[in-house]
Amino acid sequence: MNSDTYDLAIVGAGPAGMAAARTAAAQDLSIVLLDEQPAPGGQIYRSIRRPAPEDRRILGPDYYHGETLVRDLDHARIEYRSGTTVWALDDDHTLCASSPEGSTRIRAKRILLATGAQERPVPFPGWTLPGVMTCGAAQILLKSSGLVPSQPLVLAGSGPLLLLIAAQLHRAGVAIEAVLDTTPAGRYLDALPHLPGALRNLPLLWKGLGLLRELKQAGIKRFTQVSDLRALANKEGLLHQVQFHAKNATHRLPAQSLLVHQGVVPNVQLSRALGLEHRWHELQQCWHPVTNNWGETSREGVFISGDSAGIAGAKAAEQAGNLVALEVARQLNRLSTTQRDEQACPALKDLAKERAIRPFLDALYQPARSFLSPSDETLVCRCEEVSAGELRQMVDEGCRGPNQTKAFCRSGMGPCQGRLCGLTVSQVIAEHRRVPVEEVGYYQIRMPIKPLTLGELADLHE
């Protein structure tokens, strides 16, 4: 295919991107699917073509649902490019991307950003110690390499993924010292008004209860309403113990590995760099791009679907990708409005079911304030080594928002370009100023959104 002939360019080969490519190909659109990873699947279906664990019971049936999506990428109308990083998008829908073969420009009539989610940063005292990692990172090791964290192992955090990775590691034969649930007291009451919607997706509720039952039957200790989480180092500077408060007492557990998790948030780096409209989601405590019912953003011809548009899970992402493909086909005159609507009915129905449970889960598992706006001693920007206390001092000196902190202390200007500190910086400033997060705002993200070499830039000129 000539790069000028692509009807649809998709960034991200997770469930939303793969589903959109499959549906668009069925409408005879030409598609280029770009993904950073060496194989399709995204985080949820990572390494699905050849997962490391041979026993399918370890990762569970939900994981293997991705096999069908990956198989469907083998289509003449889909050009799949692995190991390709998109780092810029121009107003004329020209993508700039780099791969081992070099850099290139790719043009398309319509763009779909399906970049998925990233784990929410979990700042607490000791979170930067060797031996502390996110649950998602441990899951990547398990799926891709069959590796497991060193033991003794402790898991701490809140949300369904915490329970899932604990169950998967247990099935893989890992001894778990304890699971520390940091869900604050009162969250169940907060979530109760949303229960009727959650009951529309009973299978998902039962899965969560089933994971709790599995961990209990395995004899894994589980502490609830955990607070004051700290990772303690030994003389060599490595993780040695996990300290926390629960049941009116302070506890310490031995640990060589601590897995932490406080939910996931949309990956908005590229959508922010494009200047698209974003809105603060109070329940999910994060920003998400504004889209219409078909995934189109505030910029005509640019679509976002899946968790990068708002956290709803893999099955919802798949259906959202289908809807984007149908709308693109309508805009490019492959389908009439009536045909689009008829074909969209099953996807809309399934999407509504998957989204119905989200307010309940979002209210129940909203992170504790100590993780959203940590104590003064806690490092917030790992790249530039800026603490929460330093940020508060900057506010006292006149700093009003995240972009000013770049001038004060370079926070957000390191290699991660604000991915790991952006939300926390905004929330620390907002809390100290006693104003809403919306008033404080977020970092101004600029292209390129990933670090580049001079060689990659020179390739474009050639």
Protein backbone atom coordinates (compact mmCIF):
# COMPACT_ATOMS: atom_id res chain seq x y z
CA MET A 1 0.00 0.00 0.00
CA ASN A 2 1.14 3.57 -0.65
CA SER A 3 1.18 5.60 2.55
CA ASP A 4 -1.10 8.22 0.98
CA THR A 5 -3.87 5.67 0.45
CA TYR A 6 -4.57 4.64 4.05
CA ASP A 7 -8.15 5.26 5.02
CA LEU A 8 -7.49 4.69 8.71
CA ALA A 9 -4.30 4.82 10.79
CA ILE A 10 -4.61 3.19 14.21
CA VAL A 11 -2.14 3.83 17.02
CA GLY A 12 -2.13 0.93 19.45
CA ALA A 13 -2.79 -2.80 18.96
CA GLY A 14 -4.73 -3.49 22.15
CA PRO A 15 -8.36 -4.65 22.17
CA ALA A 16 -9.73 -1.34 20.83
CA GLY A 17 -7.16 -1.02 18.04
CA MET A 18 -7.40 -4.64 16.95
CA ALA A 19 -11.21 -4.63 16.94
CA ALA A 20 -11.30 -1.38 14.96
CA ALA A 21 -8.87 -2.78 12.39
CA ARG A 22 -10.92 -5.95 11.97
CA THR A 23 -14.21 -4.10 11.54
CA ALA A 24 -12.73 -1.47 9.24
CA ALA A 25 -11.16 -4.17 7.05
CA ALA A 26 -14.59 -5.81 6.73
CA GLN A 27 -15.82 -2.50 5.23
CA ASP A 28 -12.98 -2.60 2.65
CA LEU A 29 -11.01 0.25 4.25
CA SER A 30 -7.22 0.32 4.02
CA ILE A 31 -5.69 0.26 7.49
CA VAL A 32 -2.24 0.70 9.01
CA LEU A 33 -1.97 -0.50 12.60
CA LEU A 34 1.02 0.89 14.52
CA ASP A 35 2.17 -0.50 17.85
CA GLU A 36 5.27 -0.08 20.04
CA GLN A 37 5.30 -3.68 21.21
CA PRO A 38 6.88 -6.59 19.31
CA ALA A 39 3.53 -8.38 19.08
CA PRO A 40 -0.15 -7.32 19.18
CA GLY A 41 -2.38 -7.63 22.23
CA GLY A 42 -1.81 -4.51 24.31
CA GLN A 43 -1.33 -4.93 28.04
CA ILE A 44 -4.38 -7.12 28.67
CA TYR A 45 -3.54 -9.59 25.88
CA ARG A 46 0.23 -9.17 25.96
CA SER A 47 2.18 -12.06 24.38
CA ILE A 48 -1.13 -13.74 23.49
CA ARG A 49 0.43 -15.40 20.43
CA ARG A 50 2.91 -17.22 22.66
CA PRO A 51 2.35 -16.64 26.39
CA ALA A 52 5.12 -17.87 28.67
CA PRO A 53 2.95 -19.89 31.13
CA GLU A 54 2.06 -23.23 29.52
CA ASP A 55 -0.78 -23.89 31.94
CA ARG A 56 -3.76 -21.89 30.64
CA ARG A 57 -5.32 -21.87 34.10
CA ILE A 58 -2.65 -19.46 35.38
CA LEU A 59 -3.75 -16.45 33.30
CA GLY A 60 -7.40 -17.49 33.01
CA PRO A 61 -9.98 -17.59 30.20
CA ASP A 62 -10.43 -13.80 29.93
CA TYR A 63 -6.83 -13.49 28.79
CA TYR A 64 -7.20 -16.06 25.99
CA HIS A 65 -10.19 -14.18 24.56
CA GLY A 66 -7.55 -12.09 22.80
CA GLU A 67 -6.52 -14.99 20.54
CA THR A 68 -9.43 -14.33 18.17
CA LEU A 69 -8.66 -10.62 17.89
CA VAL A 70 -5.04 -11.29 17.03
CA ARG A 71 -5.91 -13.96 14.44
CA ASP A 72 -8.23 -11.51 12.68
CA LEU A 73 -5.33 -9.13 12.04
CA ASP A 74 -4.22 -11.50 9.28
CA HIS A 75 -6.19 -9.62 6.62
CA ALA A 76 -5.12 -8.20 3.28
CA ARG A 77 -6.50 -4.76 4.13
CA ILE A 78 -4.57 -4.49 7.44
CA GLU A 79 -0.90 -3.52 7.46
CA TYR A 80 0.37 -4.26 10.95
CA ARG A 81 3.66 -2.61 11.99
CA SER A 82 5.12 -3.81 15.27
CA GLY A 83 7.91 -2.08 17.16
CA THR A 84 6.75 1.27 15.81
CA THR A 85 6.60 4.31 18.08
CA VAL A 86 4.37 7.21 17.05
CA TRP A 87 5.84 10.42 18.43
CA ALA A 88 4.03 13.19 16.53
CA LEU A 89 0.81 13.87 14.65
CA ASP A 90 0.37 16.87 12.37
CA ASP A 91 -2.80 18.80 11.59
CA ASP A 92 -3.07 17.15 8.16
CA HIS A 93 -3.28 13.67 9.77
CA THR A 94 0.38 12.87 9.09
CA LEU A 95 1.89 10.60 11.70
CA CYS A 96 5.61 10.63 12.48
CA ALA A 97 6.83 7.25 13.68
CA SER A 98 10.06 5.41 14.35
CA SER A 99 10.89 1.71 14.06
CA PRO A 100 14.11 -0.35 13.84
CA GLU A 101 14.07 0.35 10.09
CA GLY A 102 14.10 4.11 10.71
CA SER A 103 11.63 6.99 10.88
CA THR A 104 8.77 7.59 8.48
CA ARG A 105 5.74 9.75 7.83
CA ILE A 106 2.37 8.05 7.47
CA ARG A 107 -0.73 9.78 6.15
CA ALA A 108 -4.32 8.71 6.58
CA LYS A 109 -7.79 10.14 6.05
CA ARG A 110 -8.82 9.27 9.60
CA ILE A 111 -6.80 8.66 12.78
CA LEU A 112 -7.70 6.43 15.72
CA LEU A 113 -5.73 6.73 18.96
CA ALA A 114 -6.13 3.47 20.86
CA THR A 115 -3.18 3.91 23.21
CA GLY A 116 -4.95 2.31 26.18
CA ALA A 117 -4.28 2.98 29.82
CA GLN A 118 -1.31 3.22 32.14
CA GLU A 119 -1.15 2.35 35.80
CA ARG A 120 -1.80 5.26 38.08
CA PRO A 121 1.39 6.46 39.80
CA VAL A 122 1.48 5.17 43.38
CA PRO A 123 3.70 7.57 45.37
CA PHE A 124 4.32 6.66 48.98
CA PRO A 125 7.44 6.62 51.18
CA GLY A 126 9.85 4.11 49.67
CA TRP A 127 8.06 3.55 46.37
CA THR A 128 11.29 4.11 44.39
CA LEU A 129 13.24 1.36 46.18
CA PRO A 130 14.58 -1.59 44.18
CA GLY A 131 12.08 -4.40 44.71
CA VAL A 132 8.99 -2.17 44.50
CA MET A 133 7.08 -2.40 41.22
CA THR A 134 3.53 -2.11 39.94
CA CYS A 135 1.20 -5.08 39.57
CA GLY A 136 1.09 -4.40 35.84
CA ALA A 137 4.88 -4.73 35.59
CA ALA A 138 4.74 -8.08 37.38
CA GLN A 139 2.00 -9.20 35.01
CA ILE A 140 4.16 -8.29 32.00
CA LEU A 141 6.98 -10.46 33.38
CA LEU A 142 4.60 -13.36 33.93
CA LYS A 143 2.94 -13.21 30.51
CA SER A 144 6.04 -12.50 28.45
CA SER A 145 8.81 -14.39 30.23
CA GLY A 146 7.24 -16.60 32.87
CA LEU A 147 9.21 -14.72 35.52
CA VAL A 148 7.85 -13.98 38.99
CA PRO A 149 8.96 -11.49 41.67
CA SER A 150 11.44 -12.45 44.37
CA GLN A 151 9.98 -13.70 47.62
CA PRO A 152 8.87 -12.89 50.29
CA LEU A 153 6.22 -11.09 48.22
CA VAL A 154 3.63 -8.56 49.40
CA LEU A 155 0.91 -6.95 47.27
CA ALA A 156 -0.64 -3.63 48.29
CA GLY A 157 -3.28 -1.44 46.74
CA SER A 158 -6.86 -1.37 45.61
CA GLY A 159 -8.91 -2.54 42.67
CA PRO A 160 -9.70 -5.67 40.64
CA LEU A 161 -6.22 -6.00 39.08
CA LEU A 162 -4.68 -6.35 42.53
CA LEU A 163 -6.81 -9.44 43.17
CA LEU A 164 -6.26 -10.80 39.67
CA ILE A 165 -2.46 -10.65 39.74
CA ALA A 166 -2.45 -12.15 43.26
CA ALA A 167 -4.53 -15.06 42.00
CA GLN A 168 -2.40 -15.51 38.88
CA LEU A 169 0.83 -15.53 40.88
CA HIS A 170 -0.64 -18.02 43.33
CA ARG A 171 -1.66 -20.31 40.45
CA ALA A 172 1.92 -20.03 39.18
CA GLY A 173 3.18 -21.40 42.50
CA VAL A 174 4.33 -18.13 44.09
CA ALA A 175 4.10 -17.88 47.88
CA ILE A 176 2.42 -14.61 48.81
CA GLU A 177 3.16 -13.16 52.24
CA ALA A 178 0.03 -10.96 52.31
CA VAL A 179 -2.37 -8.81 50.30
CA LEU A 180 -2.82 -5.32 51.74
CA ASP A 181 -6.10 -3.74 50.66
CA THR A 182 -5.80 0.06 50.92
CA THR A 183 -9.49 0.71 50.12
CA PRO A 184 -10.53 3.27 52.79
CA ALA A 185 -13.40 2.72 55.18
CA GLY A 186 -16.66 4.07 53.82
CA ARG A 187 -15.98 3.31 50.16
CA TYR A 188 -18.68 0.62 50.10
CA LEU A 189 -21.23 3.20 51.24
CA ASP A 190 -19.99 5.58 48.54
CA ALA A 191 -20.44 2.86 45.92
CA LEU A 192 -23.86 1.69 47.11
CA PRO A 193 -25.90 4.23 45.04
CA HIS A 194 -24.25 2.80 41.91
CA LEU A 195 -25.08 -0.83 42.71
CA PRO A 196 -28.19 -1.05 40.46
CA GLY A 197 -26.01 -0.30 37.43
CA ALA A 198 -23.42 -2.84 38.57
CA LEU A 199 -26.09 -5.53 38.75
CA ARG A 200 -26.45 -5.25 34.98
CA ASN A 201 -23.08 -6.99 34.77
CA LEU A 202 -23.42 -9.75 37.34
CA PRO A 203 -20.80 -12.02 35.73
CA LEU A 204 -18.11 -9.42 36.38
CA LEU A 205 -19.20 -9.01 39.99
CA TRP A 206 -19.06 -12.78 40.47
CA LYS A 207 -15.56 -12.87 39.03
CA GLY A 208 -14.40 -10.38 41.65
CA LEU A 209 -16.00 -12.38 44.45
CA GLY A 210 -14.50 -15.53 42.99
CA LEU A 211 -10.99 -14.04 43.17
CA LEU A 212 -11.51 -13.10 46.81
CA ARG A 213 -12.71 -16.63 47.55
CA GLU A 214 -9.74 -18.14 45.71
CA LEU A 215 -7.25 -16.11 47.76
CA LYS A 216 -9.02 -16.97 51.00
CA GLN A 217 -9.07 -20.70 50.21
CA ALA A 218 -5.34 -20.49 49.44
CA GLY A 219 -4.75 -19.24 52.97
CA ILE A 220 -3.24 -15.93 51.83
CA LYS A 221 -3.40 -13.29 54.55
CA ARG A 222 -5.43 -10.23 53.58
CA PHE A 223 -5.43 -6.99 55.57
CA THR A 224 -8.19 -4.45 54.88
CA GLN A 225 -8.41 -0.66 55.37
CA VAL A 226 -4.64 -0.45 55.23
CA SER A 227 -3.06 3.00 55.61
CA ASP A 228 0.39 4.56 56.16
CA LEU A 229 2.06 2.21 53.67
CA ARG A 230 5.86 2.39 53.66
CA ALA A 231 8.62 0.41 51.96
CA LEU A 232 11.68 0.06 54.19
CA ALA A 233 15.21 -0.54 52.95
CA ASN A 234 18.08 -2.57 54.39
CA LYS A 235 21.70 -1.40 54.64
CA GLU A 236 22.26 -2.15 50.94
CA GLY A 237 19.35 0.12 49.96
CA LEU A 238 17.11 -2.77 48.85
CA LEU A 239 13.54 -3.44 49.93
CA HIS A 240 13.60 -5.29 53.24
CA GLN A 241 10.24 -4.77 54.94
CA VAL A 242 6.78 -3.37 54.31
CA GLN A 243 5.27 -1.29 57.08
CA PHE A 244 1.58 -0.37 57.31
CA HIS A 245 -1.25 0.41 59.70
CA ALA A 246 -4.30 -1.87 59.96
CA LYS A 247 -6.61 -3.12 62.70
CA ASN A 248 -5.52 -0.30 65.04
CA ALA A 249 -1.89 -1.41 64.95
CA THR A 250 1.31 -0.91 62.99
CA HIS A 251 2.57 -4.03 61.23
CA ARG A 252 5.81 -4.99 59.50
CA LEU A 253 6.20 -7.83 57.01
CA PRO A 254 9.39 -9.18 55.45
CA ALA A 255 9.55 -8.54 51.71
CA GLN A 256 11.99 -8.71 48.85
CA SER A 257 9.23 -7.65 46.44
CA LEU A 258 6.29 -5.30 46.87
CA LEU A 259 3.70 -5.02 44.10
CA VAL A 260 1.52 -1.91 44.24
CA HIS A 261 -1.60 -0.88 42.35
CA GLN A 262 -4.13 1.96 42.56
CA GLY A 263 -6.07 1.45 39.36
CA VAL A 264 -5.35 2.60 35.83
CA VAL A 265 -5.82 5.94 34.04
CA PRO A 266 -6.09 6.89 30.37
CA ASN A 267 -2.87 7.39 28.46
CA VAL A 268 -3.40 10.98 27.31
CA GLN A 269 0.10 12.01 26.21
CA LEU A 270 -0.68 12.04 22.48
CA SER A 271 -4.19 13.46 22.84
CA ARG A 272 -2.81 16.21 25.11
CA ALA A 273 -0.06 17.03 22.64
CA LEU A 274 -2.73 17.41 19.95
CA GLY A 275 -4.53 19.98 22.06
CA LEU A 276 -7.74 17.97 22.17
CA GLU A 277 -10.41 18.87 24.71
CA HIS A 278 -10.09 16.96 28.00
CA ARG A 279 -12.34 16.73 31.03
CA TRP A 280 -11.68 15.81 34.65
CA HIS A 281 -13.40 12.59 35.78
CA GLU A 282 -14.17 13.01 39.46
CA LEU A 283 -14.86 9.34 40.24
CA GLN A 284 -11.83 8.03 38.36
CA GLN A 285 -9.67 10.96 39.53
CA CYS A 286 -8.04 11.47 36.15
CA TRP A 287 -8.33 13.35 32.86
CA HIS A 288 -9.90 11.86 29.78
CA PRO A 289 -10.42 13.23 26.26
CA VAL A 290 -13.89 14.37 25.27
CA THR A 291 -15.44 12.23 22.53
CA ASN A 292 -18.88 11.80 20.99
CA ASN A 293 -20.81 8.51 20.94
CA TRP A 294 -18.71 7.29 18.00
CA GLY A 295 -15.34 8.16 19.53
CA GLU A 296 -14.65 11.32 17.51
CA THR A 297 -12.77 14.01 19.42
CA SER A 298 -12.86 17.79 19.35
CA ARG A 299 -10.68 17.61 16.23
CA GLU A 300 -12.52 16.40 13.15
CA GLY A 301 -11.23 13.10 11.80
CA VAL A 302 -9.33 12.16 14.99
CA PHE A 303 -10.91 9.39 17.08
CA ILE A 304 -10.08 7.87 20.45
CA SER A 305 -11.43 4.58 21.76
CA GLY A 306 -10.77 2.08 24.50
CA ASP A 307 -9.30 2.92 27.87
CA SER A 308 -7.45 5.91 26.40
CA ALA A 309 -10.90 7.56 26.15
CA GLY A 310 -11.97 6.54 29.67
CA ILE A 311 -11.43 3.43 31.77
CA ALA A 312 -14.03 0.75 31.06
CA GLY A 313 -12.10 -2.50 30.55
CA ALA A 314 -11.03 -4.73 27.67
CA LYS A 315 -14.46 -5.87 26.51
CA ALA A 316 -15.76 -2.30 26.43
CA ALA A 317 -12.64 -1.23 24.54
CA GLU A 318 -13.29 -3.88 21.89
CA GLN A 319 -16.83 -2.65 21.28
CA ALA A 320 -15.73 0.99 21.26
CA GLY A 321 -13.19 0.13 18.57
CA ASN A 322 -15.95 -1.47 16.49
CA LEU A 323 -18.04 1.70 16.73
CA VAL A 324 -15.17 3.93 15.58
CA ALA A 325 -14.57 1.71 12.54
CA LEU A 326 -18.24 1.83 11.56
CA GLU A 327 -18.35 5.62 11.85
CA VAL A 328 -15.16 5.99 9.80
CA ALA A 329 -16.70 3.74 7.15
CA ARG A 330 -19.77 6.00 7.11
CA GLN A 331 -17.69 9.16 6.83
CA LEU A 332 -15.74 7.67 3.94
CA ASN A 333 -18.97 6.62 2.18
CA ARG A 334 -18.56 2.88 2.64
CA LEU A 335 -21.73 2.72 4.74
CA SER A 336 -24.91 4.74 4.89
CA THR A 337 -26.06 6.12 8.22
CA THR A 338 -28.79 3.47 8.34
CA GLN A 339 -26.31 0.67 7.66
CA ARG A 340 -23.93 2.01 10.30
CA ASP A 341 -26.67 2.16 12.90
CA GLU A 342 -27.89 -1.36 12.12
CA GLN A 343 -24.42 -2.85 12.39
CA ALA A 344 -23.66 -0.86 15.55
CA CYS A 345 -26.62 -2.19 17.57
CA PRO A 346 -24.83 -5.24 19.10
CA ALA A 347 -21.75 -3.20 19.96
CA LEU A 348 -23.81 -0.43 21.57
CA LYS A 349 -25.71 -2.96 23.65
CA ASP A 350 -22.57 -4.73 24.88
CA LEU A 351 -20.80 -1.43 25.51
CA ALA A 352 -23.65 -0.14 27.67
CA LYS A 353 -23.53 -3.34 29.72
CA GLU A 354 -19.77 -3.09 30.28
CA ARG A 355 -19.92 0.59 31.19
CA ALA A 356 -22.83 0.17 33.60
CA ILE A 357 -20.60 -1.30 36.30
CA ARG A 358 -17.93 1.39 36.09
CA PRO A 359 -19.47 3.99 38.45
CA PHE A 360 -19.74 1.29 41.12
CA LEU A 361 -16.12 0.17 40.69
CA ASP A 362 -14.83 3.74 40.38
CA ALA A 363 -16.50 4.81 43.62
CA LEU A 364 -15.50 1.65 45.48
CA TYR A 365 -11.84 1.66 44.44
CA GLN A 366 -11.08 5.37 44.27
CA PRO A 367 -7.56 5.70 45.72
CA ALA A 368 -7.05 7.02 49.22
CA ARG A 369 -6.03 10.69 49.45
CA SER A 370 -2.59 9.70 50.74
CA PHE A 371 -1.78 8.26 47.29
CA LEU A 372 -3.37 11.09 45.30
CA SER A 373 -1.64 13.79 47.35
CA PRO A 374 1.19 12.15 49.31
CA SER A 375 3.11 13.33 52.36
CA ASP A 376 5.87 15.93 52.10
CA GLU A 377 8.70 13.39 52.29
CA THR A 378 7.41 11.38 49.33
CA LEU A 379 9.17 11.67 45.98
CA VAL A 380 6.68 12.70 43.29
CA CYS A 381 8.80 13.32 40.19
CA ARG A 382 11.24 10.43 40.01
CA CYS A 383 13.10 11.74 36.97
CA GLU A 384 14.03 15.08 38.59
CA GLU A 385 13.79 13.94 42.24
CA VAL A 386 11.13 16.41 43.35
CA SER A 387 9.19 15.70 46.55
CA ALA A 388 5.62 16.58 47.46
CA GLY A 389 6.95 18.93 50.11
CA GLU A 390 8.98 20.85 47.54
CA LEU A 391 5.87 21.23 45.36
CA ARG A 392 3.91 22.64 48.30
CA GLN A 393 6.72 25.07 49.04
CA MET A 394 6.61 26.23 45.40
CA VAL A 395 2.89 26.92 45.75
CA ASP A 396 3.66 29.05 48.82
CA GLU A 397 6.18 30.93 46.67
CA GLY A 398 3.62 31.67 43.95
CA CYS A 399 3.54 28.61 41.69
CA ARG A 400 -0.04 28.21 40.41
CA GLY A 401 0.07 25.11 38.21
CA PRO A 402 2.05 22.16 36.80
CA ASN A 403 3.60 24.06 33.90
CA GLN A 404 5.15 26.60 36.27
CA THR A 405 6.79 23.81 38.25
CA LYS A 406 8.95 23.12 35.18
CA ALA A 407 10.58 26.52 35.69
CA PHE A 408 10.76 26.09 39.47
CA CYS A 409 12.21 22.56 39.61
CA ARG A 410 12.01 20.80 36.18
CA SER A 411 9.30 18.38 37.33
CA GLY A 412 7.73 16.76 34.28
CA MET A 413 10.79 17.46 32.10
CA GLY A 414 12.58 14.13 32.58
CA PRO A 415 12.61 11.08 30.29
CA CYS A 416 9.03 10.08 31.19
CA GLN A 417 7.82 13.58 30.15
CA GLY A 418 5.33 13.75 33.01
CA ARG A 419 3.73 10.33 32.58
CA LEU A 420 4.63 9.24 36.11
CA CYS A 421 4.14 12.53 37.95
CA GLY A 422 1.57 14.57 36.02
CA LEU A 423 -1.54 13.56 37.94
CA THR A 424 0.15 13.74 41.32
CA VAL A 425 1.71 17.16 40.67
CA SER A 426 -1.70 18.58 39.68
CA GLN A 427 -3.42 17.10 42.72
CA VAL A 428 -0.77 18.20 45.21
CA ILE A 429 -0.96 21.75 43.87
CA ALA A 430 -4.77 21.77 43.81
CA GLU A 431 -5.02 20.46 47.36
CA HIS A 432 -2.48 22.96 48.72
CA ARG A 433 -4.17 25.84 46.89
CA ARG A 434 -7.59 24.52 47.98
CA VAL A 435 -8.99 24.74 44.46
CA PRO A 436 -10.41 22.08 42.09
CA VAL A 437 -7.97 20.09 39.95
CA GLU A 438 -9.69 21.48 36.84
CA GLU A 439 -8.52 24.97 37.80
CA VAL A 440 -4.92 23.82 38.23
CA GLY A 441 -4.86 21.90 34.94
CA TYR A 442 -2.20 19.58 33.57
CA TYR A 443 1.19 19.72 31.90
CA GLN A 444 1.36 21.22 28.41
CA ILE A 445 2.52 18.22 26.38
CA ARG A 446 4.40 18.95 23.17
CA MET A 447 5.58 16.89 20.24
CA PRO A 448 7.60 14.74 20.14
CA ILE A 449 5.97 12.79 22.94
CA LYS A 450 8.85 10.32 23.17
CA PRO A 451 12.62 10.93 23.36
CA LEU A 452 14.24 10.87 19.90
CA THR A 453 17.72 10.55 18.50
CA LEU A 454 19.12 12.92 15.87
CA GLY A 455 19.23 9.95 13.53
CA GLU A 456 15.47 9.44 13.81
CA LEU A 457 14.86 13.09 12.90
CA ALA A 458 17.33 12.89 10.02
CA ASP A 459 15.47 9.88 8.60
CA LEU A 460 12.40 12.05 8.04
CA HIS A 461 14.40 14.55 6.00
CA GLU A 462 15.76 11.79 3.79
